Amino acid sequence: LTVTGAYTHDELPNLLARANPHLAWFPAQVPETYSYTLSECLRAGLPAVCPNLGAFSERLAGRAWSWICPWDWSAEKWNDFFITARTEHFLASAAPKILPGEPVTADFSYQRDYLVASSSPIPDTETREHPETYISLQRFAYPKNHHTPSHASAAKGRLLQLTLALRRAPLLRGLAKRIPVPWQTRVKTWLLGHS
């Protein structure tokens, strides 16, 4: 195990080049809406192994040398996966099957295509209690290359916004933490209209 310590964004390409990894593994246990670290992995051209949570599946769709695996695999399952990937793909120089779905366009920008300014600020209590999740005056919108929302999907979008607002309410925050992540992911996926 090598720990680099803190680094600046500009130092990351050199750190990755020096480490010369075979792949980048994202053992996330919670969904991410984008993953800036995945962006750096993709810029470096590294094979990626990501969990079936959040934006990873969408961002790796149509990409070669990428795997989406169950987020809750045991250590034994992960070990078996990496041994198999090494033997069947890396040593054999045989690329894995390309992940299904439409690839995200190269000109995709998280700030421009996924977030839009909001007229309703997030309360200060949310900022103080959860600064790591605070996005200043921004809310989710459809990506540029997403279909035009129908009335049903627009209603689902409003329901998702309401759900997120209720989650931030002090009385409901504790209750929201007790809902299992896979259930939260299923509901969010349904509300966003993904299959």
N, C-alpha and C. Protein backbone atom coordinates (compact mmCIF):
# COMPACT_ATOMS: atom_id res chain seq x y z
N LEU A 1 0.85 -1.18 0.00
CA LEU A 1 0.00 0.00 0.00
C LEU A 1 0.89 1.23 0.00
N THR A 2 0.63 2.14 -0.92
CA THR A 2 1.35 3.41 -0.98
C THR A 2 0.35 4.52 -0.75
N VAL A 3 0.63 5.36 0.23
CA VAL A 3 -0.23 6.51 0.52
C VAL A 3 0.50 7.76 0.07
N THR A 4 -0.11 8.50 -0.85
CA THR A 4 0.56 9.69 -1.39
C THR A 4 0.42 10.89 -0.47
N GLY A 5 -0.62 10.90 0.36
CA GLY A 5 -0.89 12.10 1.14
C GLY A 5 -1.64 13.10 0.29
N ALA A 6 -1.76 14.31 0.79
CA ALA A 6 -2.50 15.36 0.07
C ALA A 6 -1.77 15.72 -1.22
N TYR A 7 -2.54 16.11 -2.22
CA TYR A 7 -1.95 16.53 -3.49
C TYR A 7 -2.88 17.55 -4.14
N THR A 8 -2.33 18.33 -5.05
CA THR A 8 -3.15 19.28 -5.78
C THR A 8 -3.66 18.61 -7.04
N HIS A 9 -4.65 19.21 -7.65
CA HIS A 9 -5.23 18.67 -8.88
C HIS A 9 -4.15 18.56 -9.97
N ASP A 10 -3.28 19.55 -10.07
CA ASP A 10 -2.23 19.54 -11.09
C ASP A 10 -1.20 18.45 -10.88
N GLU A 11 -1.03 17.98 -9.64
CA GLU A 11 -0.05 16.94 -9.35
C GLU A 11 -0.55 15.53 -9.67
N LEU A 12 -1.87 15.37 -9.79
CA LEU A 12 -2.45 14.04 -9.93
C LEU A 12 -1.97 13.28 -11.17
N PRO A 13 -1.91 13.88 -12.37
CA PRO A 13 -1.43 13.11 -13.52
C PRO A 13 -0.02 12.52 -13.30
N ASN A 14 0.87 13.29 -12.70
CA ASN A 14 2.22 12.78 -12.43
C ASN A 14 2.20 11.67 -11.39
N LEU A 15 1.36 11.80 -10.37
CA LEU A 15 1.25 10.75 -9.35
C LEU A 15 0.73 9.46 -9.98
N LEU A 16 -0.26 9.57 -10.85
CA LEU A 16 -0.79 8.39 -11.53
C LEU A 16 0.26 7.77 -12.45
N ALA A 17 0.98 8.61 -13.17
CA ALA A 17 2.01 8.10 -14.08
C ALA A 17 3.10 7.38 -13.30
N ARG A 18 3.49 7.94 -12.16
CA ARG A 18 4.53 7.32 -11.33
C ARG A 18 4.05 5.98 -10.76
N ALA A 19 2.79 5.93 -10.33
CA ALA A 19 2.24 4.69 -9.76
C ALA A 19 2.05 3.63 -10.84
N ASN A 20 1.75 4.06 -12.08
CA ASN A 20 1.55 3.15 -13.21
C ASN A 20 0.62 1.99 -12.85
N PRO A 21 -0.60 2.28 -12.39
CA PRO A 21 -1.51 1.20 -11.98
C PRO A 21 -2.06 0.42 -13.16
N HIS A 22 -2.42 -0.83 -12.91
CA HIS A 22 -3.06 -1.65 -13.94
C HIS A 22 -4.50 -1.19 -14.15
N LEU A 23 -5.14 -0.74 -13.08
CA LEU A 23 -6.52 -0.27 -13.16
C LEU A 23 -6.81 0.62 -11.97
N ALA A 24 -7.94 1.30 -12.03
CA ALA A 24 -8.41 2.12 -10.92
C ALA A 24 -9.66 1.47 -10.36
N TRP A 25 -9.65 1.20 -9.06
CA TRP A 25 -10.78 0.56 -8.39
C TRP A 25 -11.46 1.59 -7.51
N PHE A 26 -12.77 1.69 -7.63
CA PHE A 26 -13.57 2.62 -6.84
C PHE A 26 -14.47 1.81 -5.91
N PRO A 27 -14.00 1.46 -4.72
CA PRO A 27 -14.80 0.62 -3.81
C PRO A 27 -15.83 1.43 -3.01
N ALA A 28 -16.53 2.32 -3.69
CA ALA A 28 -17.50 3.19 -3.02
C ALA A 28 -18.62 2.36 -2.41
N GLN A 29 -19.11 2.82 -1.27
CA GLN A 29 -20.21 2.16 -0.57
C GLN A 29 -21.48 3.01 -0.58
N VAL A 30 -21.36 4.21 -1.16
CA VAL A 30 -22.51 5.11 -1.26
C VAL A 30 -22.57 5.67 -2.68
N PRO A 31 -23.76 6.00 -3.18
CA PRO A 31 -23.87 6.53 -4.54
C PRO A 31 -23.20 7.90 -4.68
N GLU A 32 -22.65 8.13 -5.85
CA GLU A 32 -22.10 9.44 -6.18
C GLU A 32 -22.89 9.97 -7.37
N THR A 33 -23.06 11.29 -7.44
CA THR A 33 -23.80 11.87 -8.56
C THR A 33 -22.90 12.07 -9.77
N TYR A 34 -21.56 12.02 -9.60
CA TYR A 34 -20.68 12.26 -10.72
C TYR A 34 -19.34 11.55 -10.56
N SER A 35 -18.58 11.84 -9.55
CA SER A 35 -17.25 11.29 -9.24
C SER A 35 -16.15 11.97 -10.05
N TYR A 36 -15.60 13.00 -9.45
CA TYR A 36 -14.48 13.71 -10.06
C TYR A 36 -13.25 12.81 -10.17
N THR A 37 -13.08 11.90 -9.22
CA THR A 37 -11.92 11.00 -9.28
C THR A 37 -12.05 10.04 -10.46
N LEU A 38 -13.28 9.64 -10.80
CA LEU A 38 -13.47 8.82 -11.99
C LEU A 38 -13.07 9.61 -13.23
N SER A 39 -13.39 10.90 -13.26
CA SER A 39 -12.99 11.75 -14.39
C SER A 39 -11.48 11.71 -14.58
N GLU A 40 -10.74 11.78 -13.49
CA GLU A 40 -9.27 11.75 -13.57
C GLU A 40 -8.79 10.40 -14.08
N CYS A 41 -9.44 9.33 -13.64
CA CYS A 41 -9.11 7.98 -14.10
C CYS A 41 -9.34 7.87 -15.60
N LEU A 42 -10.46 8.40 -16.08
CA LEU A 42 -10.79 8.34 -17.50
C LEU A 42 -9.82 9.18 -18.32
N ARG A 43 -9.44 10.36 -17.79
CA ARG A 43 -8.45 11.20 -18.48
C ARG A 43 -7.12 10.48 -18.62
N ALA A 44 -6.78 9.69 -17.60
CA ALA A 44 -5.51 8.96 -17.62
C ALA A 44 -5.60 7.70 -18.48
N GLY A 45 -6.81 7.35 -18.93
CA GLY A 45 -6.98 6.18 -19.77
C GLY A 45 -6.87 4.86 -19.03
N LEU A 46 -7.13 4.88 -17.73
CA LEU A 46 -7.01 3.66 -16.93
C LEU A 46 -8.25 2.78 -17.04
N PRO A 47 -8.07 1.47 -17.04
CA PRO A 47 -9.24 0.59 -16.87
C PRO A 47 -9.89 0.91 -15.52
N ALA A 48 -11.20 0.80 -15.45
CA ALA A 48 -11.92 1.18 -14.23
C ALA A 48 -12.81 0.05 -13.73
N VAL A 49 -12.80 -0.14 -12.42
CA VAL A 49 -13.68 -1.09 -11.74
C VAL A 49 -14.50 -0.27 -10.75
N CYS A 50 -15.82 -0.23 -10.97
CA CYS A 50 -16.68 0.62 -10.17
C CYS A 50 -17.88 -0.16 -9.64
N PRO A 51 -18.48 0.34 -8.55
CA PRO A 51 -19.67 -0.32 -8.01
C PRO A 51 -20.92 0.05 -8.79
N ASN A 52 -21.94 -0.75 -8.65
CA ASN A 52 -23.22 -0.48 -9.31
C ASN A 52 -24.05 0.51 -8.48
N LEU A 53 -23.45 1.62 -8.16
CA LEU A 53 -24.09 2.68 -7.38
C LEU A 53 -23.95 4.01 -8.12
N GLY A 54 -24.95 4.85 -7.98
CA GLY A 54 -24.84 6.22 -8.46
C GLY A 54 -24.53 6.33 -9.94
N ALA A 55 -23.66 7.28 -10.28
CA ALA A 55 -23.39 7.65 -11.67
C ALA A 55 -22.38 6.76 -12.37
N PHE A 56 -21.74 5.84 -11.66
CA PHE A 56 -20.68 5.05 -12.28
C PHE A 56 -21.15 4.31 -13.53
N SER A 57 -22.28 3.61 -13.45
CA SER A 57 -22.77 2.83 -14.60
C SER A 57 -23.00 3.71 -15.81
N GLU A 58 -23.63 4.86 -15.61
CA GLU A 58 -23.91 5.77 -16.71
C GLU A 58 -22.63 6.33 -17.31
N ARG A 59 -21.68 6.68 -16.46
CA ARG A 59 -20.45 7.29 -16.95
C ARG A 59 -19.53 6.30 -17.66
N LEU A 60 -19.65 5.01 -17.33
CA LEU A 60 -18.80 4.00 -17.97
C LEU A 60 -19.49 3.29 -19.13
N ALA A 61 -20.74 3.63 -19.39
CA ALA A 61 -21.47 2.98 -20.49
C ALA A 61 -20.73 3.16 -21.80
N GLY A 62 -20.63 2.07 -22.56
CA GLY A 62 -19.99 2.12 -23.86
C GLY A 62 -18.48 2.23 -23.83
N ARG A 63 -17.87 2.10 -22.65
CA ARG A 63 -16.42 2.25 -22.52
C ARG A 63 -15.75 0.88 -22.42
N ALA A 64 -14.64 0.74 -23.13
CA ALA A 64 -13.86 -0.50 -23.05
C ALA A 64 -13.07 -0.55 -21.75
N TRP A 65 -12.66 -1.73 -21.36
CA TRP A 65 -11.84 -1.96 -20.17
C TRP A 65 -12.45 -1.32 -18.92
N SER A 66 -13.74 -1.57 -18.74
CA SER A 66 -14.45 -1.07 -17.57
C SER A 66 -15.37 -2.16 -17.05
N TRP A 67 -15.49 -2.21 -15.74
CA TRP A 67 -16.35 -3.20 -15.09
C TRP A 67 -17.25 -2.51 -14.08
N ILE A 68 -18.51 -2.93 -14.00
CA ILE A 68 -19.43 -2.50 -12.95
C ILE A 68 -19.74 -3.75 -12.14
N CYS A 69 -19.46 -3.70 -10.85
CA CYS A 69 -19.63 -4.85 -9.97
C CYS A 69 -20.54 -4.50 -8.80
N PRO A 70 -21.16 -5.50 -8.17
CA PRO A 70 -22.00 -5.23 -6.99
C PRO A 70 -21.21 -4.50 -5.90
N TRP A 71 -21.80 -3.45 -5.38
CA TRP A 71 -21.12 -2.64 -4.37
C TRP A 71 -20.89 -3.40 -3.07
N ASP A 72 -21.72 -4.40 -2.80
CA ASP A 72 -21.67 -5.07 -1.49
C ASP A 72 -20.97 -6.43 -1.55
N TRP A 73 -20.11 -6.65 -2.54
CA TRP A 73 -19.37 -7.90 -2.59
C TRP A 73 -18.49 -8.07 -1.36
N SER A 74 -18.31 -9.31 -0.96
CA SER A 74 -17.39 -9.61 0.16
C SER A 74 -15.96 -9.51 -0.35
N ALA A 75 -15.01 -9.50 0.58
CA ALA A 75 -13.59 -9.45 0.21
C ALA A 75 -13.22 -10.64 -0.66
N GLU A 76 -13.80 -11.80 -0.36
CA GLU A 76 -13.52 -13.01 -1.15
C GLU A 76 -13.99 -12.84 -2.59
N LYS A 77 -15.19 -12.26 -2.77
CA LYS A 77 -15.72 -12.05 -4.12
C LYS A 77 -14.84 -11.09 -4.91
N TRP A 78 -14.40 -9.99 -4.22
CA TRP A 78 -13.52 -9.03 -4.89
C TRP A 78 -12.22 -9.71 -5.28
N ASN A 79 -11.67 -10.51 -4.39
CA ASN A 79 -10.42 -11.20 -4.69
C ASN A 79 -10.58 -12.11 -5.91
N ASP A 80 -11.67 -12.88 -5.93
CA ASP A 80 -11.95 -13.75 -7.08
C ASP A 80 -12.09 -12.94 -8.37
N PHE A 81 -12.78 -11.81 -8.28
CA PHE A 81 -12.95 -10.96 -9.46
C PHE A 81 -11.61 -10.49 -10.00
N PHE A 82 -10.74 -9.99 -9.11
CA PHE A 82 -9.45 -9.46 -9.58
C PHE A 82 -8.55 -10.56 -10.13
N ILE A 83 -8.58 -11.73 -9.55
CA ILE A 83 -7.80 -12.86 -10.08
C ILE A 83 -8.30 -13.23 -11.47
N THR A 84 -9.63 -13.30 -11.62
CA THR A 84 -10.22 -13.63 -12.93
C THR A 84 -9.91 -12.54 -13.96
N ALA A 85 -10.04 -11.28 -13.58
CA ALA A 85 -9.75 -10.18 -14.50
C ALA A 85 -8.29 -10.24 -14.95
N ARG A 86 -7.40 -10.51 -14.02
CA ARG A 86 -5.98 -10.60 -14.36
C ARG A 86 -5.74 -11.73 -15.36
N THR A 87 -6.27 -12.91 -15.07
CA THR A 87 -6.05 -14.08 -15.90
C THR A 87 -6.73 -13.97 -17.26
N GLU A 88 -8.04 -13.65 -17.25
CA GLU A 88 -8.81 -13.68 -18.49
C GLU A 88 -8.65 -12.44 -19.37
N HIS A 89 -8.25 -11.31 -18.77
CA HIS A 89 -8.19 -10.08 -19.56
C HIS A 89 -6.78 -9.51 -19.67
N PHE A 90 -6.14 -9.25 -18.54
CA PHE A 90 -4.83 -8.60 -18.60
C PHE A 90 -3.75 -9.53 -19.15
N LEU A 91 -3.62 -10.74 -18.62
CA LEU A 91 -2.60 -11.67 -19.09
C LEU A 91 -2.89 -12.16 -20.51
N ALA A 92 -4.17 -12.33 -20.82
CA ALA A 92 -4.57 -12.83 -22.14
C ALA A 92 -4.72 -11.70 -23.16
N SER A 93 -4.56 -10.45 -22.72
CA SER A 93 -4.76 -9.27 -23.59
C SER A 93 -6.11 -9.33 -24.30
N ALA A 94 -7.12 -9.75 -23.58
CA ALA A 94 -8.49 -9.84 -24.12
C ALA A 94 -9.38 -8.86 -23.38
N ALA A 95 -9.82 -7.85 -24.08
CA ALA A 95 -10.66 -6.83 -23.46
C ALA A 95 -11.98 -7.44 -22.98
N PRO A 96 -12.48 -6.97 -21.83
CA PRO A 96 -13.79 -7.45 -21.37
C PRO A 96 -14.89 -6.89 -22.27
N LYS A 97 -16.06 -7.47 -22.15
CA LYS A 97 -17.22 -7.00 -22.91
C LYS A 97 -17.48 -5.53 -22.57
N ILE A 98 -17.74 -4.73 -23.58
CA ILE A 98 -18.02 -3.31 -23.36
C ILE A 98 -19.34 -3.17 -22.63
N LEU A 99 -19.37 -2.28 -21.65
CA LEU A 99 -20.58 -2.08 -20.86
C LEU A 99 -21.71 -1.54 -21.72
N PRO A 100 -22.94 -2.01 -21.50
CA PRO A 100 -24.06 -1.55 -22.31
C PRO A 100 -24.41 -0.10 -22.03
N GLY A 101 -25.08 0.51 -22.97
CA GLY A 101 -25.54 1.88 -22.80
C GLY A 101 -24.84 2.84 -23.74
N GLU A 102 -25.37 4.05 -23.76
CA GLU A 102 -24.80 5.09 -24.60
C GLU A 102 -23.65 5.77 -23.87
N PRO A 103 -22.50 5.92 -24.53
CA PRO A 103 -21.39 6.60 -23.87
C PRO A 103 -21.71 8.07 -23.63
N VAL A 104 -21.18 8.61 -22.55
CA VAL A 104 -21.33 10.03 -22.26
C VAL A 104 -20.40 10.76 -23.23
N THR A 105 -20.90 11.80 -23.86
CA THR A 105 -20.10 12.49 -24.87
C THR A 105 -18.85 13.10 -24.27
N ALA A 106 -17.83 13.25 -25.10
CA ALA A 106 -16.55 13.78 -24.64
C ALA A 106 -16.68 15.21 -24.15
N ASP A 107 -17.64 15.96 -24.69
CA ASP A 107 -17.77 17.36 -24.26
C ASP A 107 -18.69 17.51 -23.05
N PHE A 108 -19.03 16.39 -22.39
CA PHE A 108 -19.89 16.44 -21.21
C PHE A 108 -19.21 17.21 -20.09
N SER A 109 -19.93 18.11 -19.47
CA SER A 109 -19.43 18.89 -18.34
C SER A 109 -20.44 18.78 -17.20
N TYR A 110 -19.97 18.35 -16.05
CA TYR A 110 -20.86 18.21 -14.89
C TYR A 110 -21.52 19.54 -14.56
N GLN A 111 -20.74 20.61 -14.49
CA GLN A 111 -21.28 21.92 -14.13
C GLN A 111 -22.28 22.41 -15.17
N ARG A 112 -21.94 22.28 -16.46
CA ARG A 112 -22.78 22.83 -17.53
C ARG A 112 -23.98 21.93 -17.84
N ASP A 113 -23.78 20.61 -17.89
CA ASP A 113 -24.81 19.71 -18.39
C ASP A 113 -25.64 19.02 -17.31
N TYR A 114 -25.20 19.04 -16.08
CA TYR A 114 -25.92 18.29 -15.04
C TYR A 114 -26.49 19.18 -13.95
N LEU A 115 -25.88 20.33 -13.72
CA LEU A 115 -26.36 21.22 -12.67
C LEU A 115 -26.81 22.54 -13.27
N VAL A 116 -27.85 23.11 -12.67
CA VAL A 116 -28.32 24.43 -13.08
C VAL A 116 -28.54 25.25 -11.82
N ALA A 117 -28.49 26.58 -11.97
CA ALA A 117 -28.69 27.45 -10.81
C ALA A 117 -30.11 27.28 -10.27
N SER A 118 -30.23 27.38 -8.95
CA SER A 118 -31.52 27.25 -8.29
C SER A 118 -31.88 28.57 -7.65
N SER A 119 -33.17 28.89 -7.63
CA SER A 119 -33.60 30.13 -7.00
C SER A 119 -33.82 29.98 -5.51
N SER A 120 -33.85 28.73 -5.01
CA SER A 120 -34.08 28.53 -3.58
C SER A 120 -32.80 28.04 -2.91
N PRO A 121 -32.19 28.87 -2.06
CA PRO A 121 -30.94 28.47 -1.43
C PRO A 121 -31.16 27.35 -0.42
N ILE A 122 -30.11 26.54 -0.24
CA ILE A 122 -30.15 25.49 0.77
C ILE A 122 -29.96 26.16 2.13
N PRO A 123 -30.75 25.78 3.14
CA PRO A 123 -30.65 26.43 4.44
C PRO A 123 -29.24 26.32 5.03
N ASP A 124 -28.87 27.34 5.83
CA ASP A 124 -27.55 27.37 6.45
C ASP A 124 -27.29 26.14 7.31
N THR A 125 -28.33 25.58 7.94
CA THR A 125 -28.12 24.40 8.79
C THR A 125 -27.56 23.25 7.97
N GLU A 126 -28.02 23.10 6.73
CA GLU A 126 -27.51 22.02 5.87
C GLU A 126 -26.03 22.25 5.58
N THR A 127 -25.66 23.51 5.33
CA THR A 127 -24.27 23.83 5.04
C THR A 127 -23.38 23.53 6.24
N ARG A 128 -23.81 23.92 7.42
CA ARG A 128 -23.00 23.71 8.62
C ARG A 128 -22.90 22.24 8.99
N GLU A 129 -24.02 21.50 8.89
CA GLU A 129 -24.02 20.11 9.32
C GLU A 129 -23.42 19.16 8.30
N HIS A 130 -23.52 19.48 7.02
CA HIS A 130 -23.03 18.58 5.97
C HIS A 130 -22.30 19.37 4.88
N PRO A 131 -21.20 20.04 5.21
CA PRO A 131 -20.54 20.87 4.20
C PRO A 131 -20.01 20.06 3.03
N GLU A 132 -19.70 18.77 3.24
CA GLU A 132 -19.15 17.96 2.16
C GLU A 132 -20.18 17.65 1.08
N THR A 133 -21.48 17.79 1.37
CA THR A 133 -22.51 17.49 0.38
C THR A 133 -23.15 18.75 -0.17
N TYR A 134 -22.70 19.93 0.27
CA TYR A 134 -23.34 21.18 -0.13
C TYR A 134 -22.86 21.62 -1.50
N ILE A 135 -23.77 21.90 -2.39
CA ILE A 135 -23.44 22.46 -3.69
C ILE A 135 -24.14 23.81 -3.74
N SER A 136 -23.39 24.86 -3.76
CA SER A 136 -23.92 26.20 -3.64
C SER A 136 -25.00 26.52 -4.68
N LEU A 137 -26.21 26.76 -4.19
CA LEU A 137 -27.33 27.20 -5.01
C LEU A 137 -27.53 26.39 -6.28
N GLN A 138 -27.32 25.08 -6.19
CA GLN A 138 -27.48 24.27 -7.39
C GLN A 138 -28.37 23.08 -7.11
N ARG A 139 -29.03 22.58 -8.16
CA ARG A 139 -29.89 21.42 -8.05
C ARG A 139 -29.71 20.57 -9.31
N PHE A 140 -30.22 19.35 -9.28
CA PHE A 140 -30.06 18.46 -10.42
C PHE A 140 -30.95 18.87 -11.58
N ALA A 141 -30.45 18.67 -12.79
CA ALA A 141 -31.23 18.87 -14.01
C ALA A 141 -30.91 17.73 -14.96
N TYR A 142 -31.60 17.65 -16.06
CA TYR A 142 -31.32 16.59 -17.02
C TYR A 142 -30.03 16.91 -17.76
N PRO A 143 -29.20 15.89 -18.03
CA PRO A 143 -28.01 16.13 -18.85
C PRO A 143 -28.42 16.58 -20.25
N LYS A 144 -27.51 17.29 -20.89
CA LYS A 144 -27.76 17.82 -22.23
C LYS A 144 -28.19 16.73 -23.20
N ASN A 145 -27.56 15.58 -23.13
CA ASN A 145 -27.85 14.52 -24.09
C ASN A 145 -28.99 13.60 -23.64
N HIS A 146 -29.71 13.97 -22.60
CA HIS A 146 -30.84 13.19 -22.10
C HIS A 146 -32.07 13.56 -22.92
N HIS A 147 -33.06 12.66 -22.95
CA HIS A 147 -34.29 12.94 -23.68
C HIS A 147 -35.01 14.13 -23.07
N THR A 148 -35.87 14.76 -23.85
CA THR A 148 -36.69 15.85 -23.33
C THR A 148 -37.72 15.24 -22.39
N PRO A 149 -37.84 15.75 -21.17
CA PRO A 149 -38.73 15.12 -20.21
C PRO A 149 -40.21 15.23 -20.59
N SER A 150 -40.93 14.13 -20.38
CA SER A 150 -42.37 14.13 -20.58
C SER A 150 -43.01 14.71 -19.33
N HIS A 151 -44.34 14.84 -19.35
CA HIS A 151 -45.04 15.33 -18.16
C HIS A 151 -44.79 14.39 -16.98
N ALA A 152 -44.81 13.07 -17.26
CA ALA A 152 -44.60 12.09 -16.18
C ALA A 152 -43.19 12.20 -15.62
N SER A 153 -42.18 12.32 -16.51
CA SER A 153 -40.82 12.40 -15.99
C SER A 153 -40.56 13.75 -15.33
N ALA A 154 -41.22 14.81 -15.80
CA ALA A 154 -41.08 16.11 -15.14
C ALA A 154 -41.68 16.03 -13.73
N ALA A 155 -42.82 15.33 -13.61
CA ALA A 155 -43.43 15.16 -12.28
C ALA A 155 -42.51 14.34 -11.38
N LYS A 156 -41.88 13.31 -11.96
CA LYS A 156 -40.93 12.51 -11.17
C LYS A 156 -39.76 13.37 -10.72
N GLY A 157 -39.30 14.27 -11.60
CA GLY A 157 -38.19 15.17 -11.25
C GLY A 157 -38.57 16.06 -10.08
N ARG A 158 -39.80 16.59 -10.12
CA ARG A 158 -40.27 17.44 -9.01
C ARG A 158 -40.39 16.62 -7.72
N LEU A 159 -40.86 15.36 -7.85
CA LEU A 159 -40.97 14.47 -6.69
C LEU A 159 -39.59 14.18 -6.10
N LEU A 160 -38.59 13.99 -6.99
CA LEU A 160 -37.22 13.76 -6.52
C LEU A 160 -36.71 14.99 -5.77
N GLN A 161 -36.95 16.18 -6.30
CA GLN A 161 -36.53 17.41 -5.62
C GLN A 161 -37.20 17.55 -4.25
N LEU A 162 -38.49 17.23 -4.20
CA LEU A 162 -39.22 17.28 -2.93
C LEU A 162 -38.63 16.27 -1.94
N THR A 163 -38.34 15.06 -2.42
CA THR A 163 -37.75 14.03 -1.57
C THR A 163 -36.42 14.49 -1.00
N LEU A 164 -35.58 15.08 -1.85
CA LEU A 164 -34.27 15.57 -1.38
C LEU A 164 -34.44 16.70 -0.37
N ALA A 165 -35.42 17.58 -0.61
CA ALA A 165 -35.67 18.68 0.34
C ALA A 165 -36.14 18.13 1.68
N LEU A 166 -37.05 17.13 1.64
CA LEU A 166 -37.53 16.53 2.89
C LEU A 166 -36.40 15.83 3.64
N ARG A 167 -35.48 15.21 2.89
CA ARG A 167 -34.33 14.53 3.51
C ARG A 167 -33.47 15.49 4.32
N ARG A 168 -33.44 16.76 3.86
CA ARG A 168 -32.63 17.76 4.56
C ARG A 168 -33.32 18.29 5.81
N ALA A 169 -34.63 18.04 5.92
CA ALA A 169 -35.37 18.53 7.09
C ALA A 169 -34.85 17.84 8.35
N PRO A 170 -34.54 18.61 9.40
CA PRO A 170 -33.96 18.03 10.62
C PRO A 170 -34.74 16.85 11.19
N LEU A 171 -36.06 16.90 11.15
CA LEU A 171 -36.85 15.83 11.74
C LEU A 171 -36.79 14.54 10.92
N LEU A 172 -36.57 14.65 9.61
CA LEU A 172 -36.59 13.48 8.74
C LEU A 172 -35.19 12.95 8.41
N ARG A 173 -34.17 13.73 8.70
CA ARG A 173 -32.80 13.34 8.35
C ARG A 173 -32.42 12.01 8.98
N GLY A 174 -32.75 11.82 10.26
CA GLY A 174 -32.43 10.56 10.95
C GLY A 174 -33.17 9.38 10.35
N LEU A 175 -34.42 9.61 9.97
CA LEU A 175 -35.20 8.55 9.35
C LEU A 175 -34.62 8.16 7.99
N ALA A 176 -34.21 9.15 7.22
CA ALA A 176 -33.63 8.89 5.89
C ALA A 176 -32.37 8.05 5.98
N LYS A 177 -31.58 8.24 7.03
CA LYS A 177 -30.34 7.47 7.19
C LYS A 177 -30.62 5.99 7.47
N ARG A 178 -31.82 5.67 7.93
CA ARG A 178 -32.17 4.28 8.24
C ARG A 178 -32.68 3.50 7.03
N ILE A 179 -32.95 4.20 5.93
CA ILE A 179 -33.42 3.53 4.72
C ILE A 179 -32.20 2.94 4.01
N PRO A 180 -32.20 1.63 3.74
CA PRO A 180 -31.04 1.00 3.10
C PRO A 180 -30.68 1.66 1.77
N VAL A 181 -29.39 1.79 1.50
CA VAL A 181 -28.89 2.44 0.29
C VAL A 181 -29.46 1.81 -0.98
N PRO A 182 -29.54 0.45 -1.08
CA PRO A 182 -30.11 -0.11 -2.31
C PRO A 182 -31.55 0.35 -2.56
N TRP A 183 -32.35 0.53 -1.51
CA TRP A 183 -33.72 1.02 -1.68
C TRP A 183 -33.70 2.46 -2.17
N GLN A 184 -32.83 3.28 -1.54
CA GLN A 184 -32.72 4.67 -1.95
C GLN A 184 -32.32 4.76 -3.42
N THR A 185 -31.38 3.90 -3.82
CA THR A 185 -30.91 3.90 -5.21
C THR A 185 -32.02 3.51 -6.16
N ARG A 186 -32.82 2.48 -5.81
CA ARG A 186 -33.93 2.06 -6.66
C ARG A 186 -34.96 3.18 -6.84
N VAL A 187 -35.30 3.84 -5.74
CA VAL A 187 -36.28 4.93 -5.82
C VAL A 187 -35.73 6.07 -6.67
N LYS A 188 -34.47 6.44 -6.44
CA LYS A 188 -33.86 7.52 -7.22
C LYS A 188 -33.82 7.15 -8.70
N THR A 189 -33.45 5.90 -9.01
CA THR A 189 -33.40 5.43 -10.40
C THR A 189 -34.78 5.52 -11.03
N TRP A 190 -35.81 5.09 -10.30
CA TRP A 190 -37.18 5.17 -10.82
C TRP A 190 -37.58 6.62 -11.05
N LEU A 191 -37.28 7.50 -10.09
CA LEU A 191 -37.67 8.89 -10.21
C LEU A 191 -36.93 9.58 -11.35
N LEU A 192 -35.70 9.16 -11.62
CA LEU A 192 -34.96 9.74 -12.74
C LEU A 192 -35.35 9.13 -14.08
N GLY A 193 -36.14 8.05 -14.03
CA GLY A 193 -36.66 7.46 -15.25
C GLY A 193 -35.71 6.52 -15.94
N HIS A 194 -34.67 6.04 -15.24
CA HIS A 194 -33.74 5.07 -15.85
C HIS A 194 -34.33 3.68 -15.71
N SER A 195 -33.93 2.78 -16.59
CA SER A 195 -34.43 1.40 -16.50
C SER A 195 -33.67 0.62 -15.47
